[in-house]
Amino acid sequence: MKPLSGREVCNILSQHGFQHVRQKGSHVIMQKIGSNTTITVPVPIHKELKEGTLRSIIRQSGLAKSDFE
């Protein structure tokens, strides 16, 4: 998996229907509201996210790993 920055991850999430709802410090909260669920994903705005952090964001978002490659 290639390294991504926090901004790149936010852009990918935005392309899949997530919206930037707020920011506290270096963490942006992205949210997608569905018909009966709301998915909330915190994204740290760092130059390069660690692999475990990126995997956690992918898992929480419910998107495919291939969307982030």
PDB file of N, CA and C in Angstrom:
ATOM      1  N   MET A   1       0.847  -1.174   0.000  1.00  0.00           N
ATOM      2  CA  MET A   1       0.000   0.000   0.000  1.00  0.00           C
ATOM      3  C   MET A   1       0.894   1.239   0.000  1.00  0.00           C
ATOM      4  N   LYS A   2       0.628   2.153  -0.906  1.00  0.00           N
ATOM      5  CA  LYS A   2       1.471   3.345  -0.996  1.00  0.00           C
ATOM      6  C   LYS A   2       1.126   4.326   0.124  1.00  0.00           C
ATOM      7  N   PRO A   3       2.113   5.059   0.603  1.00  0.00           N
ATOM      8  CA  PRO A   3       1.851   6.020   1.679  1.00  0.00           C
ATOM      9  C   PRO A   3       1.020   7.197   1.168  1.00  0.00           C
ATOM     10  N   LEU A   4       0.064   7.637   1.977  1.00  0.00           N
ATOM     11  CA  LEU A   4      -0.800   8.761   1.623  1.00  0.00           C
ATOM     12  C   LEU A   4      -0.752   9.799   2.734  1.00  0.00           C
ATOM     13  N   SER A   5      -0.975  11.051   2.371  1.00  0.00           N
ATOM     14  CA  SER A   5      -1.072  12.102   3.380  1.00  0.00           C
ATOM     15  C   SER A   5      -2.524  12.186   3.860  1.00  0.00           C
ATOM     16  N   GLY A   6      -2.725  12.888   4.953  1.00  0.00           N
ATOM     17  CA  GLY A   6      -4.071  13.067   5.481  1.00  0.00           C
ATOM     18  C   GLY A   6      -4.972  13.801   4.501  1.00  0.00           C
ATOM     19  N   ARG A   7      -4.424  14.800   3.812  1.00  0.00           N
ATOM     20  CA  ARG A   7      -5.206  15.562   2.823  1.00  0.00           C
ATOM     21  C   ARG A   7      -5.634  14.671   1.653  1.00  0.00           C
ATOM     22  N   GLU A   8      -4.737  13.794   1.201  1.00  0.00           N
ATOM     23  CA  GLU A   8      -5.075  12.879   0.104  1.00  0.00           C
ATOM     24  C   GLU A   8      -6.200  11.943   0.522  1.00  0.00           C
ATOM     25  N   VAL A   9      -6.151  11.458   1.756  1.00  0.00           N
ATOM     26  CA  VAL A   9      -7.209  10.571   2.251  1.00  0.00           C
ATOM     27  C   VAL A   9      -8.536  11.327   2.322  1.00  0.00           C
ATOM     28  N   CYS A  10      -8.507  12.571   2.788  1.00  0.00           N
ATOM     29  CA  CYS A  10      -9.735  13.383   2.834  1.00  0.00           C
ATOM     30  C   CYS A  10     -10.316  13.576   1.435  1.00  0.00           C
ATOM     31  N   ASN A  11      -9.459  13.797   0.449  1.00  0.00           N
ATOM     32  CA  ASN A  11      -9.932  13.957  -0.931  1.00  0.00           C
ATOM     33  C   ASN A  11     -10.581  12.673  -1.444  1.00  0.00           C
ATOM     34  N   ILE A  12      -9.989  11.527  -1.144  1.00  0.00           N
ATOM     35  CA  ILE A  12     -10.558  10.240  -1.570  1.00  0.00           C
ATOM     36  C   ILE A  12     -11.916  10.029  -0.904  1.00  0.00           C
ATOM     37  N   LEU A  13     -11.994  10.310   0.397  1.00  0.00           N
ATOM     38  CA  LEU A  13     -13.267  10.153   1.114  1.00  0.00           C
ATOM     39  C   LEU A  13     -14.324  11.104   0.541  1.00  0.00           C
ATOM     40  N   SER A  14     -13.933  12.332   0.201  1.00  0.00           N
ATOM     41  CA  SER A  14     -14.870  13.301  -0.379  1.00  0.00           C
ATOM     42  C   SER A  14     -15.431  12.802  -1.708  1.00  0.00           C
ATOM     43  N   GLN A  15     -14.594  12.142  -2.503  1.00  0.00           N
ATOM     44  CA  GLN A  15     -15.043  11.605  -3.784  1.00  0.00           C
ATOM     45  C   GLN A  15     -16.064  10.491  -3.604  1.00  0.00           C
ATOM     46  N   HIS A  16     -16.117   9.891  -2.406  1.00  0.00           N
ATOM     47  CA  HIS A  16     -17.054   8.802  -2.134  1.00  0.00           C
ATOM     48  C   HIS A  16     -18.198   9.235  -1.221  1.00  0.00           C
ATOM     49  N   GLY A  17     -18.475  10.533  -1.172  1.00  0.00           N
ATOM     50  CA  GLY A  17     -19.663  11.023  -0.477  1.00  0.00           C
ATOM     51  C   GLY A  17     -19.460  11.487   0.951  1.00  0.00           C
ATOM     52  N   PHE A  18     -18.235  11.473   1.457  1.00  0.00           N
ATOM     53  CA  PHE A  18     -17.983  11.962   2.809  1.00  0.00           C
ATOM     54  C   PHE A  18     -17.832  13.478   2.775  1.00  0.00           C
ATOM     55  N   GLN A  19     -18.234  14.126   3.875  1.00  0.00           N
ATOM     56  CA  GLN A  19     -18.114  15.570   3.980  1.00  0.00           C
ATOM     57  C   GLN A  19     -17.277  15.938   5.196  1.00  0.00           C
ATOM     58  N   HIS A  20     -16.536  17.020   5.067  1.00  0.00           N
ATOM     59  CA  HIS A  20     -15.749  17.564   6.178  1.00  0.00           C
ATOM     60  C   HIS A  20     -16.743  18.266   7.111  1.00  0.00           C
ATOM     61  N   VAL A  21     -16.912  17.769   8.352  1.00  0.00           N
ATOM     62  CA  VAL A  21     -17.876  18.380   9.260  1.00  0.00           C
ATOM     63  C   VAL A  21     -17.230  19.264  10.308  1.00  0.00           C
ATOM     64  N   ARG A  22     -16.013  18.928  10.744  1.00  0.00           N
ATOM     65  CA  ARG A  22     -15.327  19.776  11.709  1.00  0.00           C
ATOM     66  C   ARG A  22     -13.856  19.372  11.800  1.00  0.00           C
ATOM     67  N   GLN A  23     -13.093  20.209  12.490  1.00  0.00           N
ATOM     68  CA  GLN A  23     -11.679  19.924  12.702  1.00  0.00           C
ATOM     69  C   GLN A  23     -11.308  20.379  14.101  1.00  0.00           C
ATOM     70  N   LYS A  24     -10.548  19.535  14.786  1.00  0.00           N
ATOM     71  CA  LYS A  24     -10.024  19.894  16.095  1.00  0.00           C
ATOM     72  C   LYS A  24      -8.541  19.562  16.085  1.00  0.00           C
ATOM     73  N   GLY A  25      -7.715  20.574  16.131  1.00  0.00           N
ATOM     74  CA  GLY A  25      -6.279  20.355  16.060  1.00  0.00           C
ATOM     75  C   GLY A  25      -5.897  19.819  14.703  1.00  0.00           C
ATOM     76  N   SER A  26      -5.159  18.719  14.708  1.00  0.00           N
ATOM     77  CA  SER A  26      -4.693  18.150  13.439  1.00  0.00           C
ATOM     78  C   SER A  26      -5.599  17.039  12.927  1.00  0.00           C
ATOM     79  N   HIS A  27      -6.796  16.877  13.502  1.00  0.00           N
ATOM     80  CA  HIS A  27      -7.704  15.817  13.071  1.00  0.00           C
ATOM     81  C   HIS A  27      -8.957  16.407  12.424  1.00  0.00           C
ATOM     82  N   VAL A  28      -9.233  15.938  11.208  1.00  0.00           N
ATOM     83  CA  VAL A  28     -10.444  16.323  10.488  1.00  0.00           C
ATOM     84  C   VAL A  28     -11.463  15.207  10.668  1.00  0.00           C
ATOM     85  N   ILE A  29     -12.706  15.576  10.921  1.00  0.00           N
ATOM     86  CA  ILE A  29     -13.775  14.592  11.064  1.00  0.00           C
ATOM     87  C   ILE A  29     -14.572  14.583   9.766  1.00  0.00           C
ATOM     88  N   MET A  30     -14.545  13.428   9.081  1.00  0.00           N
ATOM     89  CA  MET A  30     -15.283  13.249   7.833  1.00  0.00           C
ATOM     90  C   MET A  30     -16.523  12.406   8.139  1.00  0.00           C
ATOM     91  N   GLN A  31     -17.636  12.750   7.510  1.00  0.00           N
ATOM     92  CA  GLN A  31     -18.883  12.057   7.821  1.00  0.00           C
ATOM     93  C   GLN A  31     -19.697  11.814   6.559  1.00  0.00           C
ATOM     94  N   LYS A  32     -20.330  10.642   6.519  1.00  0.00           N
ATOM     95  CA  LYS A  32     -21.220  10.277   5.406  1.00  0.00           C
ATOM     96  C   LYS A  32     -22.542   9.847   6.018  1.00  0.00           C
ATOM     97  N   ILE A  33     -23.610  10.523   5.609  1.00  0.00           N
ATOM     98  CA  ILE A  33     -24.932  10.224   6.150  1.00  0.00           C
ATOM     99  C   ILE A  33     -25.690   9.389   5.130  1.00  0.00           C
ATOM    100  N   GLY A  34     -26.082   8.182   5.558  1.00  0.00           N
ATOM    101  CA  GLY A  34     -26.839   7.278   4.696  1.00  0.00           C
ATOM    102  C   GLY A  34     -28.302   7.317   5.065  1.00  0.00           C
ATOM    103  N   SER A  35     -29.071   6.404   4.501  1.00  0.00           N
ATOM    104  CA  SER A  35     -30.511   6.379   4.749  1.00  0.00           C
ATOM    105  C   SER A  35     -30.836   6.050   6.207  1.00  0.00           C
ATOM    106  N   ASN A  36     -30.070   5.129   6.801  1.00  0.00           N
ATOM    107  CA  ASN A  36     -30.337   4.785   8.199  1.00  0.00           C
ATOM    108  C   ASN A  36     -29.067   4.709   9.049  1.00  0.00           C
ATOM    109  N   THR A  37     -27.922   5.128   8.501  1.00  0.00           N
ATOM    110  CA  THR A  37     -26.676   5.107   9.256  1.00  0.00           C
ATOM    111  C   THR A  37     -25.858   6.365   8.981  1.00  0.00           C
ATOM    112  N   THR A  38     -24.984   6.665   9.903  1.00  0.00           N
ATOM    113  CA  THR A  38     -24.018   7.741   9.725  1.00  0.00           C
ATOM    114  C   THR A  38     -22.637   7.165   9.983  1.00  0.00           C
ATOM    115  N   ILE A  39     -21.731   7.348   9.039  1.00  0.00           N
ATOM    116  CA  ILE A  39     -20.359   6.859   9.187  1.00  0.00           C
ATOM    117  C   ILE A  39     -19.474   8.052   9.474  1.00  0.00           C
ATOM    118  N   THR A  40     -18.766   8.006  10.595  1.00  0.00           N
ATOM    119  CA  THR A  40     -17.869   9.084  10.989  1.00  0.00           C
ATOM    120  C   THR A  40     -16.449   8.542  11.026  1.00  0.00           C
ATOM    121  N   VAL A  41     -15.525   9.254  10.361  1.00  0.00           N
ATOM    122  CA  VAL A  41     -14.138   8.810  10.275  1.00  0.00           C
ATOM    123  C   VAL A  41     -13.214   9.981  10.626  1.00  0.00           C
ATOM    124  N   PRO A  42     -12.408   9.851  11.684  1.00  0.00           N
ATOM    125  CA  PRO A  42     -11.411  10.884  11.966  1.00  0.00           C
ATOM    126  C   PRO A  42     -10.159  10.652  11.114  1.00  0.00           C
ATOM    127  N   VAL A  43      -9.622  11.726  10.556  1.00  0.00           N
ATOM    128  CA  VAL A  43      -8.431  11.629   9.707  1.00  0.00           C
ATOM    129  C   VAL A  43      -7.380  12.602  10.234  1.00  0.00           C
ATOM    130  N   PRO A  44      -6.220  12.096  10.668  1.00  0.00           N
ATOM    131  CA  PRO A  44      -5.152  13.010  11.083  1.00  0.00           C
ATOM    132  C   PRO A  44      -4.510  13.656   9.858  1.00  0.00           C
ATOM    133  N   ILE A  45      -4.305  14.949   9.917  1.00  0.00           N
ATOM    134  CA  ILE A  45      -3.716  15.667   8.788  1.00  0.00           C
ATOM    135  C   ILE A  45      -2.201  15.693   8.979  1.00  0.00           C
ATOM    136  N   HIS A  46      -1.565  14.601   8.590  1.00  0.00           N
ATOM    137  CA  HIS A  46      -0.125  14.456   8.667  1.00  0.00           C
ATOM    138  C   HIS A  46       0.428  14.319   7.254  1.00  0.00           C
ATOM    139  N   LYS A  47       1.738  14.555   7.098  1.00  0.00           N
ATOM    140  CA  LYS A  47       2.355  14.438   5.767  1.00  0.00           C
ATOM    141  C   LYS A  47       2.256  13.020   5.231  1.00  0.00           C
ATOM    142  N   GLU A  48       2.405  12.040   6.111  1.00  0.00           N
ATOM    143  CA  GLU A  48       2.322  10.638   5.703  1.00  0.00           C
ATOM    144  C   GLU A  48       1.682   9.847   6.838  1.00  0.00           C
ATOM    145  N   LEU A  49       0.591   9.141   6.532  1.00  0.00           N
ATOM    146  CA  LEU A  49      -0.088   8.338   7.543  1.00  0.00           C
ATOM    147  C   LEU A  49       0.603   6.991   7.684  1.00  0.00           C
ATOM    148  N   LYS A  50       0.661   6.500   8.901  1.00  0.00           N
ATOM    149  CA  LYS A  50       1.219   5.172   9.127  1.00  0.00           C
ATOM    150  C   LYS A  50       0.268   4.136   8.532  1.00  0.00           C
ATOM    151  N   GLU A  51       0.811   2.983   8.197  1.00  0.00           N
ATOM    152  CA  GLU A  51       0.014   1.954   7.521  1.00  0.00           C
ATOM    153  C   GLU A  51      -1.169   1.500   8.384  1.00  0.00           C
ATOM    154  N   GLY A  52      -0.957   1.341   9.674  1.00  0.00           N
ATOM    155  CA  GLY A  52      -2.034   0.919  10.565  1.00  0.00           C
ATOM    156  C   GLY A  52      -3.149   1.949  10.646  1.00  0.00           C
ATOM    157  N   THR A  53      -2.783   3.225  10.653  1.00  0.00           N
ATOM    158  CA  THR A  53      -3.776   4.304  10.681  1.00  0.00           C
ATOM    159  C   THR A  53      -4.587   4.302   9.398  1.00  0.00           C
ATOM    160  N   LEU A  54      -3.910   4.131   8.275  1.00  0.00           N
ATOM    161  CA  LEU A  54      -4.602   4.105   6.987  1.00  0.00           C
ATOM    162  C   LEU A  54      -5.540   2.908   6.891  1.00  0.00           C
ATOM    163  N   ARG A  55      -5.101   1.755   7.354  1.00  0.00           N
ATOM    164  CA  ARG A  55      -5.955   0.555   7.345  1.00  0.00           C
ATOM    165  C   ARG A  55      -7.196   0.772   8.220  1.00  0.00           C
ATOM    166  N   SER A  56      -7.023   1.442   9.355  1.00  0.00           N
ATOM    167  CA  SER A  56      -8.145   1.718  10.247  1.00  0.00           C
ATOM    168  C   SER A  56      -9.156   2.656   9.582  1.00  0.00           C
ATOM    169  N   ILE A  57      -8.665   3.673   8.881  1.00  0.00           N
ATOM    170  CA  ILE A  57      -9.552   4.601   8.175  1.00  0.00           C
ATOM    171  C   ILE A  57     -10.330   3.862   7.091  1.00  0.00           C
ATOM    172  N   ILE A  58      -9.654   2.975   6.361  1.00  0.00           N
ATOM    173  CA  ILE A  58     -10.314   2.197   5.308  1.00  0.00           C
ATOM    174  C   ILE A  58     -11.402   1.315   5.917  1.00  0.00           C
ATOM    175  N   ARG A  59     -11.082   0.652   7.023  1.00  0.00           N
ATOM    176  CA  ARG A  59     -12.051  -0.235   7.686  1.00  0.00           C
ATOM    177  C   ARG A  59     -13.264   0.559   8.180  1.00  0.00           C
ATOM    178  N   GLN A  60     -13.027   1.696   8.813  1.00  0.00           N
ATOM    179  CA  GLN A  60     -14.114   2.505   9.352  1.00  0.00           C
ATOM    180  C   GLN A  60     -14.997   3.091   8.245  1.00  0.00           C
ATOM    181  N   SER A  61     -14.382   3.451   7.123  1.00  0.00           N
ATOM    182  CA  SER A  61     -15.143   4.083   6.039  1.00  0.00           C
ATOM    183  C   SER A  61     -16.020   3.093   5.286  1.00  0.00           C
ATOM    184  N   GLY A  62     -15.640   1.806   5.307  1.00  0.00           N
ATOM    185  CA  GLY A  62     -16.404   0.803   4.573  1.00  0.00           C
ATOM    186  C   GLY A  62     -16.091   0.785   3.083  1.00  0.00           C
ATOM    187  N   LEU A  63     -15.052   1.499   2.675  1.00  0.00           N
ATOM    188  CA  LEU A  63     -14.664   1.529   1.267  1.00  0.00           C
ATOM    189  C   LEU A  63     -13.672   0.406   0.970  1.00  0.00           C
ATOM    190  N   ALA A  64     -13.491   0.125  -0.298  1.00  0.00           N
ATOM    191  CA  ALA A  64     -12.539  -0.916  -0.707  1.00  0.00           C
ATOM    192  C   ALA A  64     -11.118  -0.395  -0.597  1.00  0.00           C
ATOM    193  N   LYS A  65     -10.207  -1.295  -0.305  1.00  0.00           N
ATOM    194  CA  LYS A  65      -8.785  -0.950  -0.224  1.00  0.00           C
ATOM    195  C   LYS A  65      -8.281  -0.384  -1.555  1.00  0.00           C
ATOM    196  N   SER A  66      -8.828  -0.889  -2.647  1.00  0.00           N
ATOM    197  CA  SER A  66      -8.413  -0.453  -3.976  1.00  0.00           C
ATOM    198  C   SER A  66      -8.743   1.038  -4.237  1.00  0.00           C
ATOM    199  N   ASP A  67      -9.717   1.592  -3.512  1.00  0.00           N
ATOM    200  CA  ASP A  67     -10.054   3.006  -3.669  1.00  0.00           C
ATOM    201  C   ASP A  67      -8.927   3.902  -3.181  1.00  0.00           C
ATOM    202  N   PHE A  68      -8.058   3.376  -2.341  1.00  0.00           N
ATOM    203  CA  PHE A  68      -6.976   4.170  -1.752  1.00  0.00           C
ATOM    204  C   PHE A  68      -5.621   3.896  -2.402  1.00  0.00           C
ATOM    205  N   GLU A  69      -5.609   3.172  -3.505  1.00  0.00           N
ATOM    206  CA  GLU A  69      -4.340   2.857  -4.179  1.00  0.00           C
ATOM    207  C   GLU A  69      -4.161   3.689  -5.425  1.00  0.00           C
TER     208      GLU A  69
END
